Protein backbone atom coordinates (compact mmCIF):
# COMPACT_ATOMS: atom_id res chain seq x y z
CA MET A 1 -16.66 -3.63 7.85
CA LEU A 2 -14.53 -6.78 7.42
CA CYS A 3 -13.73 -5.99 10.97
CA PHE A 4 -17.13 -5.45 12.30
CA GLU A 5 -17.75 -8.87 10.78
CA ILE A 6 -14.65 -11.01 12.45
CA ASN A 7 -15.90 -9.67 15.82
CA ILE A 8 -19.08 -10.95 15.25
CA PHE A 9 -17.34 -14.18 14.21
CA MET A 10 -15.73 -14.39 17.05
CA ASP A 11 -17.99 -13.65 19.74
CA LEU A 12 -20.31 -16.41 17.86
CA ILE A 13 -17.57 -18.87 18.85
CA VAL A 14 -17.11 -17.28 22.37
CA ALA A 15 -20.72 -18.27 22.97
CA GLY A 16 -20.57 -21.70 21.33
CA LEU A 17 -18.32 -22.85 22.69
CA SER A 18 -19.59 -21.40 26.05
CA ALA A 19 -22.29 -23.53 26.18
CA VAL A 20 -20.61 -26.50 24.72
CA ALA A 21 -18.38 -26.46 27.87
CA LYS A 22 -21.50 -26.20 30.03
CA SER A 23 -23.35 -28.73 29.06
CA PHE A 24 -20.84 -30.63 28.58
CA GLY A 25 -20.70 -30.35 32.69
CA PHE A 26 -17.58 -28.23 32.87
CA LEU A 27 -18.10 -25.06 35.18
CA PRO A 28 -16.46 -22.02 34.96
CA HIS A 29 -14.45 -22.07 37.82
CA SER A 30 -12.85 -25.45 36.76
CA VAL A 31 -9.03 -25.79 34.61
CA ALA A 32 -10.75 -26.60 31.63
CA PHE A 33 -13.01 -24.07 31.86
CA GLY A 34 -10.27 -21.34 31.95
CA GLU A 35 -8.23 -22.81 29.67
CA LEU A 36 -11.18 -23.10 27.06
CA ARG A 37 -11.31 -19.32 27.76
CA ARG A 38 -7.55 -18.39 27.54
CA LYS A 39 -7.76 -20.09 24.20
CA VAL A 40 -10.63 -18.09 22.83
CA LYS A 41 -8.87 -15.01 24.48
CA THR A 42 -5.57 -16.20 22.03
CA LEU A 43 -7.90 -15.94 19.18
CA ARG A 44 -9.35 -13.04 19.44
CA ARG A 45 -6.14 -11.57 20.04
CA TYR A 46 -4.99 -12.86 16.76
CA ALA A 47 -8.42 -11.69 14.83
CA LYS A 48 -7.88 -8.14 15.84
CA ILE A 49 -4.05 -8.25 15.06
CA ASN A 50 -5.36 -9.49 11.08
CA CYS A 51 -8.21 -6.50 11.45
CA ASP A 52 -5.88 -4.24 12.56
CA ARG A 53 -2.90 -5.59 9.32
CA LEU A 54 -6.33 -5.10 7.28
CA ARG A 55 -7.56 -1.61 7.93
CA ILE A 56 -4.08 -1.37 6.78
CA ILE A 57 -4.22 -1.94 3.54
CA TYR A 58 -7.10 -1.11 2.88
CA ARG A 59 -6.67 2.39 3.37
C-alpha cells in the first residue's frame, strides 16, 4: 500500500513541476524543461527502488 502512495505522490510532483515550468514559460522542448524531466525520472527511479526494498522488508 505504501508503494502505491509513493507512486501517487511522485505523479503529483511531476504534474506540479510541469505546471510550474509551463507557467514560467519553459516550453516542453526547451533544455530546462528536459533537465527537469530527467531529474523527475531519477526521483521516480529512486522511489521505485525504495518501494522494492519496502516490499522485501515487509514480506
